[in-house]
Amino acid sequence: MILRADLVKSSEAVNIEHVTHTFTWVYPRQEAAVKPFYILPEFDYGIHRPDFFTPEVQSKSNLFYTDSRALFQSHSKGSVEYKVDADSTVVTHYKLLLSGYYAQEYSEGILRNPINFSKKFTPTIHKVVAPDGTYHWVIGYFLTEEEARGTQVHDAVIPNPRMVFISPTIYKVLP
């Protein structure tokens, strides 16, 4: 579950206001040599990856959300459910993770020093597990290869990165 709350500071105290929750379902799925645990807010994943859920898994997911809503409706106090919009940044990010995205690969040592990179891109530094089980350090979530190649994410003089395509079943170094 994802909880959101506004903390409002007054001269005497900090108050919690406007509390929302988003139900998330944890789905372990075998993807080649690795088995990631997807933490999933509710929306139609089949739009971005039609084979993501089997009918049995979809049924389990639906049951989880139905049961969670019933439980919260009768027991939750002061929190309102926040449903993820189909055109939200959350859905856009999941679309990239499920169907694939481009990134720039650097060595771990270079990426561990965020001062090397533009502040705009440091939040996108992440470690991925390739389908063969190997780990890689990358930066960026680019929609196209051209965007990945044309974006300078580093501020320091460092070796050029390798361009890669990443999906749950592919980790491909591009020529």
Foldseek 3Di string as FASTA:
>chain_A
DDKDWDWDDDPPGIDTAAIEDFQWDWDFDQAQQDTDTDTGTDDDCCVLPVVPDDPVRVVVVVVVVVVVVVVCVVDPDRYHYDHDDCPDVVVVVVSCAANKFKWFFDDPVCLVPCLFWDPVWNVQWDWDQASVGDITTTIDGHHDQCVRVPDDGTDDDDDGTFMWMDYSHDTGTDD
